[in-house]
Amino acid sequence: MGGGLRVGDEVEDFELLDETGTARRLGDLLAKGPVVLFFYPAAMTSGCTAESCHFRDLAEEFAAVGASPVGISRDAVARQKRFADTYDLGFPLLSDPDGVVARKLGARRNFAVGPFLTRRMTFVIDVDRRVLEVIHSETGMQAHADQALEVLRARR
């Protein structure tokens, strides 16, 4: 999968543990509506906190378009739980410790930038598992949620 998934590609189903240690499947998450799967480099860091809190603050807007944000990083379940609880995030945070899902979707770097192997990327995934949009921005912490909402509003 060379450069990772692109708009129109189908996302393979996967299963990872969330911040409570519960196994979550992409297919089950999509049964409730589109999923905004956002990869972030590391829980509890300033940029990832700003990005995640922006998703949290837009919860009503995501609900209005029937979509759910889902965060994903290499962090262990316990660290994801601390992140979710500290900032009252209110959406699942998936633990991808070996970067398996990040690699499949194209959000894993070939080399670490500092301690970070995961790219800050967001995939807007429709209920049929097709990618509606791929958002790349390492520095625009608001861009991921804002652009995902634009795409989802246009979908309706």
N, C-alpha and C. Protein backbone atom coordinates (compact mmCIF):
# COMPACT_ATOMS: atom_id res chain seq x y z
N MET A 1 0.81 -1.20 0.00
CA MET A 1 0.00 0.00 0.00
C MET A 1 0.85 1.26 0.00
N GLY A 2 1.82 1.35 -0.78
CA GLY A 2 2.76 2.45 -0.93
C GLY A 2 2.58 3.65 -0.04
N GLY A 3 1.82 4.64 -0.51
CA GLY A 3 1.68 5.88 0.24
C GLY A 3 0.53 5.86 1.22
N GLY A 4 -0.05 4.71 1.46
CA GLY A 4 -1.18 4.64 2.39
C GLY A 4 -2.50 4.78 1.67
N LEU A 5 -3.56 4.83 2.45
CA LEU A 5 -4.91 4.90 1.88
C LEU A 5 -5.20 6.27 1.30
N ARG A 6 -6.02 6.26 0.26
CA ARG A 6 -6.45 7.49 -0.40
C ARG A 6 -7.97 7.54 -0.42
N VAL A 7 -8.50 8.68 -0.77
CA VAL A 7 -9.95 8.85 -0.90
C VAL A 7 -10.49 7.77 -1.84
N GLY A 8 -11.56 7.11 -1.41
CA GLY A 8 -12.19 6.06 -2.20
C GLY A 8 -11.73 4.66 -1.85
N ASP A 9 -10.57 4.54 -1.20
CA ASP A 9 -10.08 3.21 -0.80
C ASP A 9 -10.95 2.66 0.33
N GLU A 10 -10.95 1.34 0.45
CA GLU A 10 -11.68 0.68 1.52
C GLU A 10 -10.71 0.35 2.66
N VAL A 11 -11.15 0.66 3.88
CA VAL A 11 -10.33 0.38 5.05
C VAL A 11 -10.64 -1.03 5.53
N GLU A 12 -9.59 -1.85 5.67
CA GLU A 12 -9.76 -3.20 6.21
C GLU A 12 -10.24 -3.10 7.65
N ASP A 13 -11.11 -4.03 8.04
CA ASP A 13 -11.55 -4.05 9.42
C ASP A 13 -10.34 -4.36 10.31
N PHE A 14 -10.35 -3.84 11.51
CA PHE A 14 -9.29 -4.12 12.47
C PHE A 14 -9.88 -4.08 13.87
N GLU A 15 -9.13 -4.62 14.80
CA GLU A 15 -9.55 -4.62 16.20
C GLU A 15 -8.38 -4.21 17.08
N LEU A 16 -8.62 -3.24 17.96
CA LEU A 16 -7.62 -2.78 18.92
C LEU A 16 -8.32 -2.55 20.26
N LEU A 17 -7.53 -2.50 21.32
CA LEU A 17 -8.09 -2.20 22.64
C LEU A 17 -8.26 -0.69 22.80
N ASP A 18 -9.38 -0.31 23.44
CA ASP A 18 -9.57 1.11 23.74
C ASP A 18 -9.00 1.44 25.12
N GLU A 19 -9.23 2.65 25.58
CA GLU A 19 -8.64 3.11 26.83
C GLU A 19 -9.14 2.36 28.06
N THR A 20 -10.23 1.60 27.92
CA THR A 20 -10.74 0.80 29.05
C THR A 20 -10.28 -0.65 28.96
N GLY A 21 -9.53 -0.98 27.89
CA GLY A 21 -9.09 -2.36 27.70
C GLY A 21 -10.11 -3.20 26.94
N THR A 22 -11.16 -2.54 26.42
CA THR A 22 -12.20 -3.22 25.64
C THR A 22 -11.79 -3.32 24.18
N ALA A 23 -11.95 -4.50 23.59
CA ALA A 23 -11.63 -4.68 22.16
C ALA A 23 -12.67 -3.93 21.33
N ARG A 24 -12.21 -3.12 20.41
CA ARG A 24 -13.09 -2.36 19.51
C ARG A 24 -12.75 -2.71 18.07
N ARG A 25 -13.79 -3.02 17.29
CA ARG A 25 -13.63 -3.29 15.86
C ARG A 25 -14.10 -2.07 15.07
N LEU A 26 -13.39 -1.76 14.00
CA LEU A 26 -13.79 -0.65 13.14
C LEU A 26 -15.21 -0.88 12.64
N GLY A 27 -15.52 -2.11 12.20
CA GLY A 27 -16.86 -2.41 11.69
C GLY A 27 -17.96 -2.10 12.67
N ASP A 28 -17.73 -2.37 13.96
CA ASP A 28 -18.73 -2.07 14.99
C ASP A 28 -18.88 -0.57 15.19
N LEU A 29 -17.77 0.16 15.16
CA LEU A 29 -17.82 1.61 15.30
C LEU A 29 -18.58 2.23 14.12
N LEU A 30 -18.37 1.69 12.91
CA LEU A 30 -19.04 2.22 11.71
C LEU A 30 -20.53 1.89 11.67
N ALA A 31 -20.96 0.91 12.46
CA ALA A 31 -22.39 0.57 12.49
C ALA A 31 -23.21 1.74 13.03
N LYS A 32 -22.57 2.65 13.76
CA LYS A 32 -23.26 3.80 14.34
C LYS A 32 -23.19 5.04 13.44
N GLY A 33 -22.38 4.97 12.38
CA GLY A 33 -22.22 6.13 11.49
C GLY A 33 -20.76 6.28 11.11
N PRO A 34 -20.44 7.30 10.30
CA PRO A 34 -19.05 7.51 9.87
C PRO A 34 -18.12 7.68 11.08
N VAL A 35 -16.86 7.29 10.87
CA VAL A 35 -15.85 7.41 11.91
C VAL A 35 -14.76 8.36 11.42
N VAL A 36 -14.34 9.26 12.31
CA VAL A 36 -13.21 10.15 12.04
C VAL A 36 -12.05 9.59 12.87
N LEU A 37 -11.20 8.80 12.20
CA LEU A 37 -10.10 8.12 12.86
C LEU A 37 -8.87 9.01 12.80
N PHE A 38 -8.50 9.57 13.96
CA PHE A 38 -7.35 10.48 13.94
C PHE A 38 -6.16 9.88 14.69
N PHE A 39 -5.05 9.79 13.95
CA PHE A 39 -3.80 9.29 14.50
C PHE A 39 -3.04 10.46 15.10
N TYR A 40 -2.51 10.25 16.30
CA TYR A 40 -1.69 11.28 16.94
C TYR A 40 -0.43 10.61 17.49
N PRO A 41 0.67 11.36 17.53
CA PRO A 41 1.95 10.76 17.92
C PRO A 41 2.03 10.25 19.35
N ALA A 42 1.53 11.02 20.34
CA ALA A 42 1.70 10.59 21.74
C ALA A 42 0.71 11.29 22.66
N ALA A 43 -0.01 10.49 23.43
CA ALA A 43 -0.95 11.03 24.43
C ALA A 43 -0.20 11.88 25.44
N MET A 44 -0.89 12.87 25.98
CA MET A 44 -0.40 13.73 27.06
C MET A 44 0.68 14.72 26.60
N THR A 45 0.91 14.85 25.29
CA THR A 45 1.84 15.86 24.80
C THR A 45 1.03 17.07 24.35
N SER A 46 1.67 18.22 24.26
CA SER A 46 0.92 19.47 24.04
C SER A 46 0.11 19.48 22.74
N GLY A 47 0.74 19.11 21.62
CA GLY A 47 0.03 19.14 20.34
C GLY A 47 -1.12 18.15 20.29
N CYS A 48 -0.87 16.95 20.79
CA CYS A 48 -1.90 15.91 20.76
C CYS A 48 -3.05 16.25 21.70
N THR A 49 -2.72 16.91 22.81
CA THR A 49 -3.77 17.36 23.74
C THR A 49 -4.63 18.42 23.08
N ALA A 50 -4.01 19.39 22.42
CA ALA A 50 -4.77 20.45 21.74
C ALA A 50 -5.68 19.85 20.67
N GLU A 51 -5.14 18.93 19.89
CA GLU A 51 -5.92 18.31 18.82
C GLU A 51 -7.10 17.52 19.39
N SER A 52 -6.83 16.68 20.38
CA SER A 52 -7.87 15.84 20.97
C SER A 52 -8.94 16.67 21.66
N CYS A 53 -8.54 17.72 22.36
CA CYS A 53 -9.52 18.58 23.03
C CYS A 53 -10.38 19.33 22.03
N HIS A 54 -9.84 19.64 20.86
CA HIS A 54 -10.64 20.29 19.81
C HIS A 54 -11.71 19.31 19.31
N PHE A 55 -11.35 18.05 19.11
CA PHE A 55 -12.36 17.04 18.76
C PHE A 55 -13.43 16.97 19.85
N ARG A 56 -13.00 16.95 21.11
CA ARG A 56 -13.94 16.91 22.24
C ARG A 56 -14.89 18.11 22.21
N ASP A 57 -14.33 19.30 21.97
CA ASP A 57 -15.13 20.53 22.00
C ASP A 57 -16.14 20.60 20.86
N LEU A 58 -15.92 19.81 19.81
CA LEU A 58 -16.83 19.79 18.66
C LEU A 58 -17.77 18.57 18.70
N ALA A 59 -17.92 17.95 19.87
CA ALA A 59 -18.73 16.73 20.01
C ALA A 59 -20.15 16.91 19.46
N GLU A 60 -20.78 18.04 19.75
CA GLU A 60 -22.16 18.26 19.27
C GLU A 60 -22.21 18.34 17.75
N GLU A 61 -21.21 18.99 17.15
CA GLU A 61 -21.17 19.10 15.69
C GLU A 61 -20.98 17.73 15.04
N PHE A 62 -20.12 16.90 15.62
CA PHE A 62 -19.94 15.55 15.09
C PHE A 62 -21.23 14.74 15.25
N ALA A 63 -21.89 14.87 16.40
CA ALA A 63 -23.15 14.15 16.63
C ALA A 63 -24.20 14.59 15.61
N ALA A 64 -24.21 15.87 15.27
CA ALA A 64 -25.21 16.40 14.33
C ALA A 64 -25.06 15.79 12.94
N VAL A 65 -23.85 15.36 12.57
CA VAL A 65 -23.65 14.72 11.26
C VAL A 65 -23.57 13.20 11.41
N GLY A 66 -23.87 12.70 12.61
CA GLY A 66 -23.93 11.26 12.85
C GLY A 66 -22.58 10.56 12.89
N ALA A 67 -21.51 11.33 13.12
CA ALA A 67 -20.16 10.78 13.07
C ALA A 67 -19.53 10.71 14.46
N SER A 68 -18.55 9.82 14.59
CA SER A 68 -17.83 9.65 15.85
C SER A 68 -16.34 9.82 15.66
N PRO A 69 -15.71 10.69 16.46
CA PRO A 69 -14.25 10.73 16.47
C PRO A 69 -13.70 9.54 17.24
N VAL A 70 -12.58 9.02 16.77
CA VAL A 70 -11.87 7.93 17.44
C VAL A 70 -10.38 8.25 17.33
N GLY A 71 -9.71 8.40 18.47
CA GLY A 71 -8.28 8.67 18.47
C GLY A 71 -7.50 7.37 18.46
N ILE A 72 -6.28 7.42 17.93
CA ILE A 72 -5.45 6.21 17.87
C ILE A 72 -3.97 6.62 17.92
N SER A 73 -3.22 5.92 18.78
CA SER A 73 -1.78 6.16 18.88
C SER A 73 -1.11 4.89 19.37
N ARG A 74 0.21 4.95 19.48
CA ARG A 74 0.99 3.80 19.95
C ARG A 74 0.96 3.67 21.47
N ASP A 75 0.34 4.61 22.15
CA ASP A 75 0.32 4.60 23.61
C ASP A 75 -0.37 3.36 24.16
N ALA A 76 0.12 2.89 25.31
CA ALA A 76 -0.47 1.75 26.00
C ALA A 76 -1.86 2.12 26.52
N VAL A 77 -2.67 1.11 26.77
CA VAL A 77 -4.04 1.31 27.25
C VAL A 77 -4.07 2.21 28.48
N ALA A 78 -3.20 1.98 29.45
CA ALA A 78 -3.20 2.76 30.69
C ALA A 78 -2.93 4.25 30.42
N ARG A 79 -2.03 4.54 29.49
CA ARG A 79 -1.74 5.95 29.16
C ARG A 79 -2.92 6.57 28.41
N GLN A 80 -3.57 5.79 27.53
CA GLN A 80 -4.76 6.29 26.84
C GLN A 80 -5.86 6.62 27.86
N LYS A 81 -6.00 5.76 28.87
CA LYS A 81 -7.02 5.98 29.91
C LYS A 81 -6.72 7.27 30.67
N ARG A 82 -5.46 7.45 31.03
CA ARG A 82 -5.07 8.68 31.74
C ARG A 82 -5.36 9.91 30.88
N PHE A 83 -5.06 9.82 29.59
CA PHE A 83 -5.30 10.92 28.65
C PHE A 83 -6.80 11.22 28.57
N ALA A 84 -7.61 10.18 28.37
CA ALA A 84 -9.06 10.34 28.25
C ALA A 84 -9.65 10.93 29.52
N ASP A 85 -9.22 10.44 30.68
CA ASP A 85 -9.76 10.91 31.96
C ASP A 85 -9.30 12.33 32.29
N THR A 86 -8.04 12.62 32.06
CA THR A 86 -7.48 13.93 32.38
C THR A 86 -8.21 15.04 31.62
N TYR A 87 -8.54 14.78 30.36
CA TYR A 87 -9.15 15.82 29.52
C TYR A 87 -10.62 15.55 29.21
N ASP A 88 -11.21 14.55 29.87
CA ASP A 88 -12.64 14.24 29.72
C ASP A 88 -13.02 14.19 28.23
N LEU A 89 -12.28 13.37 27.47
CA LEU A 89 -12.42 13.38 26.01
C LEU A 89 -13.75 12.84 25.51
N GLY A 90 -14.25 11.75 26.08
CA GLY A 90 -15.59 11.28 25.72
C GLY A 90 -15.70 10.51 24.42
N PHE A 91 -14.59 10.08 23.85
CA PHE A 91 -14.62 9.21 22.67
C PHE A 91 -13.51 8.19 22.83
N PRO A 92 -13.60 7.07 22.09
CA PRO A 92 -12.60 6.01 22.24
C PRO A 92 -11.20 6.46 21.83
N LEU A 93 -10.22 6.00 22.59
CA LEU A 93 -8.81 6.15 22.25
C LEU A 93 -8.25 4.75 22.10
N LEU A 94 -7.84 4.40 20.89
CA LEU A 94 -7.35 3.06 20.61
C LEU A 94 -5.84 2.98 20.77
N SER A 95 -5.40 1.85 21.30
CA SER A 95 -3.98 1.59 21.50
C SER A 95 -3.46 0.70 20.38
N ASP A 96 -2.52 1.23 19.61
CA ASP A 96 -1.90 0.52 18.48
C ASP A 96 -0.40 0.43 18.76
N PRO A 97 -0.02 -0.33 19.83
CA PRO A 97 1.36 -0.28 20.34
C PRO A 97 2.42 -0.67 19.33
N ASP A 98 2.11 -1.56 18.42
CA ASP A 98 3.10 -1.98 17.42
C ASP A 98 2.95 -1.23 16.10
N GLY A 99 2.01 -0.30 16.05
CA GLY A 99 1.82 0.50 14.85
C GLY A 99 1.27 -0.28 13.67
N VAL A 100 0.59 -1.40 13.94
CA VAL A 100 0.09 -2.26 12.86
C VAL A 100 -0.97 -1.53 12.02
N VAL A 101 -1.93 -0.92 12.69
CA VAL A 101 -3.00 -0.21 11.96
C VAL A 101 -2.43 1.05 11.31
N ALA A 102 -1.57 1.75 12.01
CA ALA A 102 -0.93 2.94 11.43
C ALA A 102 -0.19 2.58 10.14
N ARG A 103 0.50 1.47 10.14
CA ARG A 103 1.24 1.03 8.96
C ARG A 103 0.28 0.73 7.81
N LYS A 104 -0.80 0.00 8.11
CA LYS A 104 -1.77 -0.37 7.07
C LYS A 104 -2.41 0.84 6.41
N LEU A 105 -2.69 1.88 7.20
CA LEU A 105 -3.37 3.05 6.66
C LEU A 105 -2.41 4.10 6.10
N GLY A 106 -1.12 3.97 6.44
CA GLY A 106 -0.14 4.92 5.92
C GLY A 106 0.18 6.04 6.90
N ALA A 107 -0.13 5.83 8.19
CA ALA A 107 0.13 6.86 9.20
C ALA A 107 1.39 6.57 10.01
N ARG A 108 2.15 5.60 9.59
CA ARG A 108 3.39 5.28 10.31
C ARG A 108 4.57 5.77 9.50
N ARG A 109 5.49 6.42 10.18
CA ARG A 109 6.71 6.89 9.51
C ARG A 109 7.67 5.72 9.29
N ASN A 110 8.53 5.86 8.30
CA ASN A 110 9.57 4.85 8.09
C ASN A 110 10.71 5.02 9.09
N PHE A 111 10.79 6.20 9.69
CA PHE A 111 11.82 6.48 10.70
C PHE A 111 11.17 7.41 11.72
N ALA A 112 11.68 7.36 12.94
CA ALA A 112 11.11 8.19 14.00
C ALA A 112 11.60 9.63 13.86
N VAL A 113 10.70 10.56 14.14
CA VAL A 113 11.05 11.98 14.25
C VAL A 113 11.01 12.22 15.76
N GLY A 114 12.18 12.32 16.35
CA GLY A 114 12.24 12.30 17.82
C GLY A 114 11.70 10.93 18.24
N PRO A 115 10.83 10.91 19.25
CA PRO A 115 10.28 9.62 19.68
C PRO A 115 9.03 9.21 18.89
N PHE A 116 8.67 10.00 17.89
CA PHE A 116 7.36 9.81 17.25
C PHE A 116 7.44 9.03 15.96
N LEU A 117 6.82 7.86 15.95
CA LEU A 117 6.75 7.02 14.76
C LEU A 117 5.43 7.22 14.01
N THR A 118 4.44 7.80 14.69
CA THR A 118 3.12 7.97 14.09
C THR A 118 2.95 9.38 13.54
N ARG A 119 2.45 9.46 12.32
CA ARG A 119 2.15 10.77 11.71
C ARG A 119 0.83 11.28 12.26
N ARG A 120 0.68 12.59 12.31
CA ARG A 120 -0.60 13.19 12.69
C ARG A 120 -1.45 13.22 11.41
N MET A 121 -2.33 12.24 11.31
CA MET A 121 -3.18 12.10 10.12
C MET A 121 -4.58 11.71 10.54
N THR A 122 -5.55 12.11 9.75
CA THR A 122 -6.95 11.79 10.04
C THR A 122 -7.58 11.18 8.80
N PHE A 123 -8.35 10.11 9.03
CA PHE A 123 -9.09 9.44 7.97
C PHE A 123 -10.58 9.55 8.28
N VAL A 124 -11.33 10.17 7.37
CA VAL A 124 -12.78 10.23 7.51
C VAL A 124 -13.31 9.01 6.76
N ILE A 125 -13.95 8.10 7.50
CA ILE A 125 -14.35 6.81 6.96
C ILE A 125 -15.87 6.68 6.97
N ASP A 126 -16.45 6.44 5.80
CA ASP A 126 -17.91 6.32 5.70
C ASP A 126 -18.34 4.92 6.14
N VAL A 127 -19.64 4.74 6.34
CA VAL A 127 -20.17 3.48 6.87
C VAL A 127 -19.86 2.28 5.99
N ASP A 128 -19.57 2.50 4.72
CA ASP A 128 -19.21 1.40 3.81
C ASP A 128 -17.70 1.11 3.85
N ARG A 129 -17.01 1.69 4.82
CA ARG A 129 -15.56 1.55 5.03
C ARG A 129 -14.73 2.25 3.95
N ARG A 130 -15.35 3.11 3.15
CA ARG A 130 -14.61 3.88 2.14
C ARG A 130 -14.09 5.17 2.75
N VAL A 131 -12.87 5.54 2.36
CA VAL A 131 -12.26 6.77 2.84
C VAL A 131 -12.87 7.96 2.11
N LEU A 132 -13.45 8.88 2.87
CA LEU A 132 -14.02 10.11 2.30
C LEU A 132 -12.97 11.21 2.19
N GLU A 133 -12.01 11.20 3.12
CA GLU A 133 -10.98 12.23 3.13
C GLU A 133 -9.80 11.77 3.96
N VAL A 134 -8.61 12.23 3.57
CA VAL A 134 -7.40 12.02 4.34
C VAL A 134 -6.84 13.40 4.64
N ILE A 135 -6.65 13.70 5.92
CA ILE A 135 -6.18 15.02 6.34
C ILE A 135 -4.78 14.87 6.89
N HIS A 136 -3.84 15.61 6.29
CA HIS A 136 -2.44 15.62 6.72
C HIS A 136 -2.15 17.00 7.28
N SER A 137 -1.77 17.07 8.53
CA SER A 137 -1.27 18.33 9.08
C SER A 137 -0.55 18.01 10.37
N GLU A 138 0.76 18.20 10.36
CA GLU A 138 1.54 17.93 11.57
C GLU A 138 1.43 19.08 12.56
N THR A 139 1.11 20.27 12.08
CA THR A 139 1.14 21.44 12.96
C THR A 139 -0.23 22.10 13.15
N GLY A 140 -1.20 21.81 12.29
CA GLY A 140 -2.53 22.43 12.42
C GLY A 140 -3.41 21.61 13.33
N MET A 141 -3.36 21.89 14.63
CA MET A 141 -4.08 21.07 15.60
C MET A 141 -5.60 21.16 15.45
N GLN A 142 -6.09 22.28 14.94
CA GLN A 142 -7.53 22.44 14.74
C GLN A 142 -7.98 21.87 13.39
N ALA A 143 -7.04 21.77 12.45
CA ALA A 143 -7.37 21.43 11.07
C ALA A 143 -8.06 20.08 10.93
N HIS A 144 -7.66 19.10 11.72
CA HIS A 144 -8.17 17.74 11.56
C HIS A 144 -9.67 17.67 11.81
N ALA A 145 -10.11 18.17 12.95
CA ALA A 145 -11.54 18.14 13.28
C ALA A 145 -12.33 19.06 12.36
N ASP A 146 -11.80 20.25 12.10
CA ASP A 146 -12.51 21.22 11.27
C ASP A 146 -12.73 20.70 9.84
N GLN A 147 -11.68 20.15 9.23
CA GLN A 147 -11.80 19.64 7.86
C GLN A 147 -12.69 18.40 7.81
N ALA A 148 -12.58 17.55 8.83
CA ALA A 148 -13.44 16.36 8.86
C ALA A 148 -14.91 16.76 8.89
N LEU A 149 -15.23 17.77 9.70
CA LEU A 149 -16.63 18.23 9.76
C LEU A 149 -17.09 18.78 8.41
N GLU A 150 -16.23 19.53 7.74
CA GLU A 150 -16.60 20.07 6.41
C GLU A 150 -16.96 18.93 5.45
N VAL A 151 -16.14 17.89 5.44
CA VAL A 151 -16.35 16.74 4.56
C VAL A 151 -17.67 16.05 4.91
N LEU A 152 -17.90 15.85 6.19
CA LEU A 152 -19.12 15.15 6.64
C LEU A 152 -20.37 15.97 6.36
N ARG A 153 -20.28 17.27 6.51
CA ARG A 153 -21.45 18.13 6.21
C ARG A 153 -21.75 18.10 4.71
N ALA A 154 -20.72 18.06 3.87
CA ALA A 154 -20.91 18.03 2.42
C ALA A 154 -21.48 16.69 1.97
N ARG A 155 -21.21 15.64 2.73
CA ARG A 155 -21.66 14.28 2.40
C ARG A 155 -23.17 14.17 2.45
N ARG A 156 -23.82 14.99 3.28
CA ARG A 156 -25.25 14.81 3.56
C ARG A 156 -26.14 15.17 2.40
